[in-house]
Amino acid sequence: MGISPAAKFKLELPTRLRGAELRRPRPRDTSFVHRQRGEINFCIIDQYVDYLVNEQGMKNIFVNGSTGEGLSLSVPERRQLAEEWVTKGKNKMDHVIIHVGALSLKDSQELAQHAAEIGADGIAVIAPFFFKPVNKDALIAFLKEVAAAAPEVPFYYYHIPALTGVKIRAEELLDGIQDEIPTFQGLKFSDVDLLDFGQCVDQNSQRQFDLLFGVDEQLLSALAMGATGAVGSTYNYLGKKTNQMLEAFERQDLSLALNYQLYIQRFMNYVIKLGLGVAQTKAIITLVSGIQMGPPRLPLQKASKEFTLHAEAKLKSLESQCFH
């Protein structure tokens, strides 16, 4: 895409379900709540786009991923969410990437074709994880069929082995992949294996791929190794701090960049110990944005009030920190 790392941050967006800086605005009553049905609240997306752009400085988004509970949604729901984000992001967002991965090849192809039809800027695909590909060739065969359904749209592989159980190394996948998938643009690397990531960077000496790092609390290390951007859930509420870290890194002010990364790590370390998941991420976003995210879809359970209170207290304690 030819844009700078600072412009290439993409958010893993939470799906707002009916049912459920840091100025702590009072959460707005936006008629989300319909706890029995757990329906998606499409009407709030426009407001959320404005929050992301104006409050967090985020102008690139990754829709229907892990934080967005994409694999807990029906195909019609995923289609409608993609449409809403592409429409509401027009003239406000730089890039809207739609995750179209599914356990069913046919579902994934349908979602890819739909993303192309609505004008998405890219599509991403996770490895199928019930009947898993056993080797690189099997994985590429699956990805190739999905990419062919949207032959003009940039294609990304979403590498997240901790959730999929697919242990095929990303550096192995990259080797020769554009011969099989001409639209291949890069990958979202959501793993802590920096050896694997480093080998991806080594293969990317001509910077032909977007190497988007997906472990938010380790981003500075990935930038030093050659990450060209990132996709993550924390940018929904720590996007401004992350952009400041990026700006410091680009100025080669590594001391300041490290301070920002440590700030992010202090908060992440705290909430991970409390038990951080999709539901808790939604609670934090509600806390920071003032926009009700609602609960997650079953089988996930909503965050406890205790978690939210502890997270709020930690954010307040961190706000007093100065950066030099």
Protein backbone atom coordinates (compact mmCIF):
# COMPACT_ATOMS: atom_id res chain seq x y z
CA MET A 1 0.00 0.00 0.00
CA GLY A 2 3.02 2.26 0.19
CA ILE A 3 2.12 3.98 3.42
CA SER A 4 4.22 4.63 6.50
CA PRO A 5 4.08 2.43 9.58
CA ALA A 6 2.30 5.20 11.45
CA ALA A 7 -0.47 5.13 8.88
CA LYS A 8 -0.66 1.38 8.76
CA PHE A 9 -2.13 0.66 12.14
CA LYS A 10 -5.31 -1.31 11.84
CA LEU A 11 -7.77 -2.04 14.58
CA GLU A 12 -9.32 -5.33 15.41
CA LEU A 13 -12.77 -4.01 15.93
CA PRO A 14 -15.19 -5.26 18.56
CA THR A 15 -18.64 -6.23 17.38
CA ARG A 16 -21.16 -4.15 19.25
CA LEU A 17 -23.87 -6.50 20.47
CA ARG A 18 -27.24 -5.39 21.74
CA GLY A 19 -27.12 -6.62 25.24
CA ALA A 20 -24.99 -4.91 26.70
CA GLU A 21 -7.06 11.62 27.06
CA LEU A 22 -9.08 9.36 29.07
CA ARG A 23 -11.77 11.77 30.01
CA ARG A 24 -14.11 8.97 31.11
CA PRO A 25 -17.15 10.29 29.26
CA ARG A 26 -20.35 8.89 30.60
CA PRO A 27 -21.48 5.93 28.47
CA ARG A 28 -24.09 7.15 26.05
CA ASP A 29 -27.50 5.49 26.01
CA THR A 30 -27.58 4.29 22.42
CA SER A 31 -30.32 1.65 22.75
CA PHE A 32 -27.83 -1.20 22.43
CA VAL A 33 -29.19 -3.37 25.11
CA HIS A 34 -31.09 -6.48 24.09
CA ARG A 35 -29.41 -9.08 26.22
CA GLN A 36 -31.75 -11.94 25.36
CA ARG A 37 -31.12 -11.88 21.64
CA GLY A 38 -27.53 -10.66 21.49
CA GLU A 39 -28.12 -8.81 18.25
CA ILE A 40 -25.52 -6.60 16.60
CA ASN A 41 -26.00 -2.87 16.99
CA PHE A 42 -25.23 -1.59 13.51
CA CYS A 43 -26.49 1.94 14.12
CA ILE A 44 -23.57 2.91 16.38
CA ILE A 45 -20.82 2.26 13.82
CA ASP A 46 -20.79 5.82 12.48
CA GLN A 47 -20.27 7.21 15.98
CA TYR A 48 -17.55 4.67 16.63
CA VAL A 49 -15.72 5.57 13.42
CA ASP A 50 -15.62 9.19 14.57
CA TYR A 51 -14.26 8.14 17.97
CA LEU A 52 -11.50 6.04 16.42
CA VAL A 53 -10.42 8.77 14.03
CA ASN A 54 -10.77 11.79 16.30
CA GLU A 55 -9.87 10.37 19.72
CA GLN A 56 -7.45 7.54 18.95
CA GLY A 57 -5.96 8.67 15.62
CA MET A 58 -6.83 5.36 13.95
CA LYS A 59 -7.68 5.48 10.23
CA ASN A 60 -7.25 1.84 9.20
CA ILE A 61 -9.51 -0.96 10.39
CA PHE A 62 -9.66 -4.74 10.43
CA VAL A 63 -13.28 -5.93 10.56
CA ASN A 64 -14.70 -9.29 11.71
CA GLY A 65 -11.48 -10.53 13.29
CA SER A 66 -10.97 -12.10 16.71
CA THR A 67 -11.97 -9.08 18.77
CA GLY A 68 -14.91 -8.58 16.43
CA GLU A 69 -16.07 -12.15 17.16
CA GLY A 70 -16.24 -12.72 13.42
CA LEU A 71 -16.30 -16.49 13.75
CA SER A 72 -19.24 -16.27 16.17
CA LEU A 73 -21.34 -14.41 13.60
CA SER A 74 -23.45 -15.76 10.78
CA VAL A 75 -22.46 -15.10 7.19
CA PRO A 76 -25.34 -12.60 6.72
CA GLU A 77 -24.24 -10.75 9.87
CA ARG A 78 -20.64 -10.61 8.66
CA ARG A 79 -21.76 -9.31 5.28
CA GLN A 80 -23.85 -6.57 6.84
CA LEU A 81 -21.07 -5.55 9.23
CA ALA A 82 -18.62 -5.34 6.33
CA GLU A 83 -21.06 -3.17 4.38
CA GLU A 84 -21.60 -0.85 7.33
CA TRP A 85 -17.89 -0.38 7.98
CA VAL A 86 -17.04 0.23 4.34
CA THR A 87 -19.92 2.72 4.01
CA LYS A 88 -19.39 4.55 7.29
CA GLY A 89 -15.61 4.59 6.86
CA LYS A 90 -15.77 6.19 3.42
CA ASN A 91 -13.88 9.52 3.34
CA LYS A 92 -12.91 8.99 7.00
CA MET A 93 -10.83 5.81 6.97
CA ASP A 94 -7.82 5.12 4.74
CA HIS A 95 -8.23 1.35 4.57
CA VAL A 96 -10.96 -1.09 5.54
CA ILE A 97 -9.72 -4.70 5.63
CA ILE A 98 -12.37 -7.40 5.98
CA HIS A 99 -11.56 -10.73 7.59
CA VAL A 100 -13.34 -13.39 5.53
CA GLY A 101 -11.87 -16.55 7.04
CA ALA A 102 -14.26 -19.36 7.95
CA LEU A 103 -14.27 -23.09 8.60
CA SER A 104 -16.20 -23.57 5.36
CA LEU A 105 -14.38 -22.78 2.12
CA LYS A 106 -17.69 -21.83 0.50
CA ASP A 107 -18.52 -19.36 3.27
CA SER A 108 -15.07 -17.83 3.01
CA GLN A 109 -15.38 -17.49 -0.78
CA GLU A 110 -18.80 -15.89 -0.44
CA LEU A 111 -17.47 -13.37 2.08
CA ALA A 112 -14.44 -12.61 -0.10
CA GLN A 113 -16.56 -12.00 -3.17
CA HIS A 114 -18.89 -9.80 -1.15
CA ALA A 115 -15.95 -7.77 0.23
CA ALA A 116 -14.82 -7.13 -3.34
CA GLU A 117 -18.30 -6.07 -4.40
CA ILE A 118 -18.65 -3.49 -1.63
CA GLY A 119 -15.22 -1.96 -2.25
CA ALA A 120 -13.16 -3.24 0.67
CA ASP A 121 -9.49 -2.31 0.53
CA GLY A 122 -8.32 -5.80 1.40
CA ILE A 123 -9.36 -9.20 2.71
CA ALA A 124 -7.74 -11.42 5.32
CA VAL A 125 -8.13 -15.14 5.99
CA ILE A 126 -7.41 -17.23 9.07
CA ALA A 127 -6.41 -20.88 8.70
CA PRO A 128 -9.37 -23.29 9.09
CA PHE A 129 -8.99 -24.86 12.51
CA PHE A 130 -11.42 -27.76 12.88
CA PHE A 131 -10.26 -29.77 9.90
CA LYS A 132 -6.78 -28.29 9.82
CA PRO A 133 -4.36 -28.05 6.89
CA VAL A 134 -1.57 -30.50 7.64
CA ASN A 135 1.17 -28.72 5.70
CA LYS A 136 2.02 -25.59 3.75
CA ASP A 137 0.65 -26.93 0.46
CA ALA A 138 -2.74 -27.69 1.98
CA LEU A 139 -2.94 -24.27 3.61
CA ILE A 140 -1.97 -22.45 0.43
CA ALA A 141 -4.52 -24.48 -1.54
CA PHE A 142 -7.26 -23.23 0.80
CA LEU A 143 -6.04 -19.62 0.76
CA LYS A 144 -5.69 -19.67 -3.03
CA GLU A 145 -9.33 -20.66 -3.50
CA VAL A 146 -10.50 -17.84 -1.25
CA ALA A 147 -8.27 -15.25 -2.92
CA ALA A 148 -9.59 -16.30 -6.33
CA ALA A 149 -13.08 -15.23 -5.27
CA ALA A 150 -11.81 -11.63 -5.04
CA PRO A 151 -9.08 -11.53 -7.70
CA GLU A 152 -8.56 -7.75 -7.62
CA VAL A 153 -8.45 -7.32 -3.84
CA PRO A 154 -5.21 -7.33 -1.79
CA PHE A 155 -5.02 -10.55 0.23
CA TYR A 156 -3.62 -11.05 3.75
CA TYR A 157 -2.99 -14.23 5.73
CA TYR A 158 -4.04 -13.99 9.39
CA HIS A 159 -1.44 -16.02 11.32
CA ILE A 160 -2.63 -16.78 14.85
CA PRO A 161 -1.48 -20.30 15.77
CA ALA A 162 -2.40 -20.02 19.45
CA LEU A 163 -6.08 -19.96 18.48
CA THR A 164 -6.10 -22.04 15.30
CA GLY A 165 -3.64 -24.72 16.37
CA VAL A 166 -2.18 -24.51 12.86
CA LYS A 167 1.58 -24.50 13.47
CA ILE A 168 2.76 -23.93 9.89
CA ARG A 169 5.43 -21.27 10.18
CA ALA A 170 4.71 -17.94 8.56
CA GLU A 171 8.18 -17.73 7.00
CA GLU A 172 7.56 -21.07 5.31
CA LEU A 173 4.23 -19.82 3.97
CA LEU A 174 5.75 -16.65 2.50
CA ASP A 175 8.28 -18.54 0.43
CA GLY A 176 6.97 -18.37 -3.14
CA ILE A 177 3.42 -17.47 -2.12
CA GLN A 178 2.95 -14.78 -4.77
CA ASP A 179 3.46 -17.42 -7.43
CA GLU A 180 0.34 -19.11 -6.06
CA ILE A 181 -1.62 -16.04 -4.91
CA PRO A 182 -0.73 -13.01 -7.08
CA THR A 183 -2.82 -10.68 -4.90
CA PHE A 184 -0.96 -11.65 -1.73
CA GLN A 185 -0.16 -8.40 0.10
CA GLY A 186 1.12 -9.55 3.46
CA LEU A 187 0.22 -11.09 6.76
CA LYS A 188 -1.09 -10.28 10.18
CA PHE A 189 1.40 -11.98 12.48
CA SER A 190 -0.30 -12.67 15.83
CA ASP A 191 2.32 -14.80 17.54
CA VAL A 192 5.20 -14.29 19.99
CA ASP A 193 7.68 -16.30 17.89
CA LEU A 194 10.06 -13.50 16.92
CA LEU A 195 12.38 -15.96 15.21
CA ASP A 196 9.61 -16.83 12.76
CA PHE A 197 8.72 -13.15 12.38
CA GLY A 198 12.36 -12.22 11.84
CA GLN A 199 12.61 -14.75 9.03
CA CYS A 200 9.53 -13.17 7.44
CA VAL A 201 11.31 -9.81 7.61
CA ASP A 202 14.43 -11.39 6.08
CA GLN A 203 12.35 -12.58 3.13
CA ASN A 204 10.83 -9.11 2.81
CA SER A 205 14.06 -7.26 1.98
CA GLN A 206 12.37 -5.60 -1.00
CA ARG A 207 9.44 -4.62 1.26
CA GLN A 208 7.02 -6.25 -1.13
CA PHE A 209 4.80 -7.43 1.74
CA ASP A 210 2.98 -5.70 4.58
CA LEU A 211 4.17 -7.38 7.79
CA LEU A 212 1.55 -6.37 10.34
CA PHE A 213 2.37 -7.37 13.91
CA GLY A 214 -0.49 -8.54 16.11
CA VAL A 215 0.93 -8.77 19.65
CA ASP A 216 0.33 -5.25 20.89
CA GLU A 217 2.45 -5.41 24.03
CA GLN A 218 5.51 -6.48 21.99
CA LEU A 219 5.13 -4.08 19.08
CA LEU A 220 8.30 -2.06 19.69
CA SER A 221 10.40 -5.20 19.39
CA ALA A 222 8.68 -6.04 16.11
CA LEU A 223 9.25 -2.52 14.79
CA ALA A 224 12.94 -2.84 15.53
CA MET A 225 12.95 -6.08 13.54
CA GLY A 226 11.15 -4.55 10.55
CA ALA A 227 7.39 -4.69 11.08
CA THR A 228 5.65 -2.37 8.63
CA GLY A 229 2.54 -1.89 10.75
CA ALA A 230 0.25 -3.57 13.22
CA VAL A 231 -3.24 -4.87 13.84
CA GLY A 232 -4.51 -5.07 17.39
CA SER A 233 -7.39 -4.74 19.80
CA THR A 234 -5.72 -2.30 22.21
CA TYR A 235 -5.62 0.40 19.54
CA ASN A 236 -9.34 0.80 20.16
CA TYR A 237 -8.44 2.42 23.48
CA LEU A 238 -4.65 2.92 23.50
CA GLY A 239 -4.33 3.98 19.87
CA LYS A 240 -3.16 7.48 20.69
CA LYS A 241 -0.38 6.22 22.96
CA THR A 242 0.66 3.67 20.32
CA ASN A 243 0.83 6.31 17.61
CA GLN A 244 3.00 8.41 19.91
CA MET A 245 5.29 5.41 20.34
CA LEU A 246 5.47 5.02 16.56
CA GLU A 247 6.30 8.69 16.06
CA ALA A 248 9.10 8.47 18.64
CA PHE A 249 10.45 5.33 16.97
CA GLU A 250 10.46 7.01 13.55
CA ARG A 251 12.38 9.96 15.06
CA GLN A 252 14.82 7.38 16.48
CA ASP A 253 13.98 8.51 19.99
CA LEU A 254 14.13 4.97 21.31
CA SER A 255 14.07 5.99 24.96
CA LEU A 256 10.73 7.75 24.53
CA ALA A 257 9.38 4.94 22.36
CA LEU A 258 10.28 2.46 25.09
CA ASN A 259 8.51 4.58 27.70
CA TYR A 260 5.31 4.40 25.66
CA GLN A 261 5.68 0.66 25.16
CA LEU A 262 6.23 0.14 28.87
CA TYR A 263 3.14 2.24 29.61
CA ILE A 264 1.12 -0.08 27.38
CA GLN A 265 2.75 -3.13 28.92
CA ARG A 266 1.99 -2.04 32.46
CA PHE A 267 -1.68 -1.85 31.65
CA MET A 268 -1.70 -5.05 29.60
CA ASN A 269 0.21 -6.99 32.26
CA TYR A 270 -2.29 -5.85 34.88
CA VAL A 271 -5.45 -6.76 32.97
CA ILE A 272 -4.01 -10.04 31.65
CA LYS A 273 -3.51 -11.11 35.26
CA LEU A 274 -7.13 -10.18 35.96
CA GLY A 275 -8.25 -12.28 33.01
CA LEU A 276 -8.31 -10.48 29.65
CA GLY A 277 -10.46 -11.68 26.78
CA VAL A 278 -12.90 -10.34 24.23
CA ALA A 279 -15.52 -9.50 26.86
CA GLN A 280 -13.02 -7.62 29.00
CA THR A 281 -11.73 -5.75 25.94
CA LYS A 282 -15.28 -4.60 25.22
CA ALA A 283 -15.59 -3.38 28.80
CA ILE A 284 -12.37 -1.36 28.52
CA ILE A 285 -13.45 0.20 25.22
CA THR A 286 -16.80 1.16 26.77
CA LEU A 287 -14.92 2.71 29.69
CA VAL A 288 -12.59 4.77 27.53
CA SER A 289 -14.89 5.70 24.65
CA GLY A 290 -18.15 6.19 26.48
CA ILE A 291 -19.82 4.08 23.79
CA GLN A 292 -21.55 0.95 25.05
CA MET A 293 -20.00 -2.14 23.42
CA GLY A 294 -22.44 -4.61 24.93
CA PRO A 295 -21.60 -8.16 26.02
CA PRO A 296 -19.95 -10.82 23.87
CA ARG A 297 -21.90 -13.59 22.19
CA LEU A 298 -22.17 -16.94 23.94
CA PRO A 299 -20.30 -19.01 24.96
CA LEU A 300 -18.23 -16.00 26.09
CA GLN A 301 -19.40 -14.34 29.29
CA LYS A 302 -19.59 -10.61 29.97
CA ALA A 303 -16.86 -8.93 32.00
CA SER A 304 -17.47 -8.54 35.71
CA LYS A 305 -18.00 -5.18 37.35
CA GLU A 306 -14.91 -5.90 39.46
CA PHE A 307 -12.78 -6.22 36.33
CA THR A 308 -14.05 -2.92 34.97
CA LEU A 309 -13.42 -1.11 38.24
CA HIS A 310 -9.89 -2.46 38.50
CA ALA A 311 -9.12 -1.59 34.87
CA GLU A 312 -10.43 1.94 35.35
CA ALA A 313 -8.31 2.43 38.47
CA LYS A 314 -5.20 1.23 36.65
CA LEU A 315 -5.79 3.57 33.73
CA LYS A 316 -6.22 6.48 36.10
CA SER A 317 -2.98 5.63 37.88
CA LEU A 318 -1.10 5.48 34.58
CA GLU A 319 -2.48 8.80 33.35
CA SER A 320 -0.29 10.67 35.81
CA GLN A 321 2.87 9.36 34.18
CA CYS A 322 4.96 11.84 32.22
CA PHE A 323 6.93 11.10 29.07
CA HIS A 324 10.21 12.80 28.29
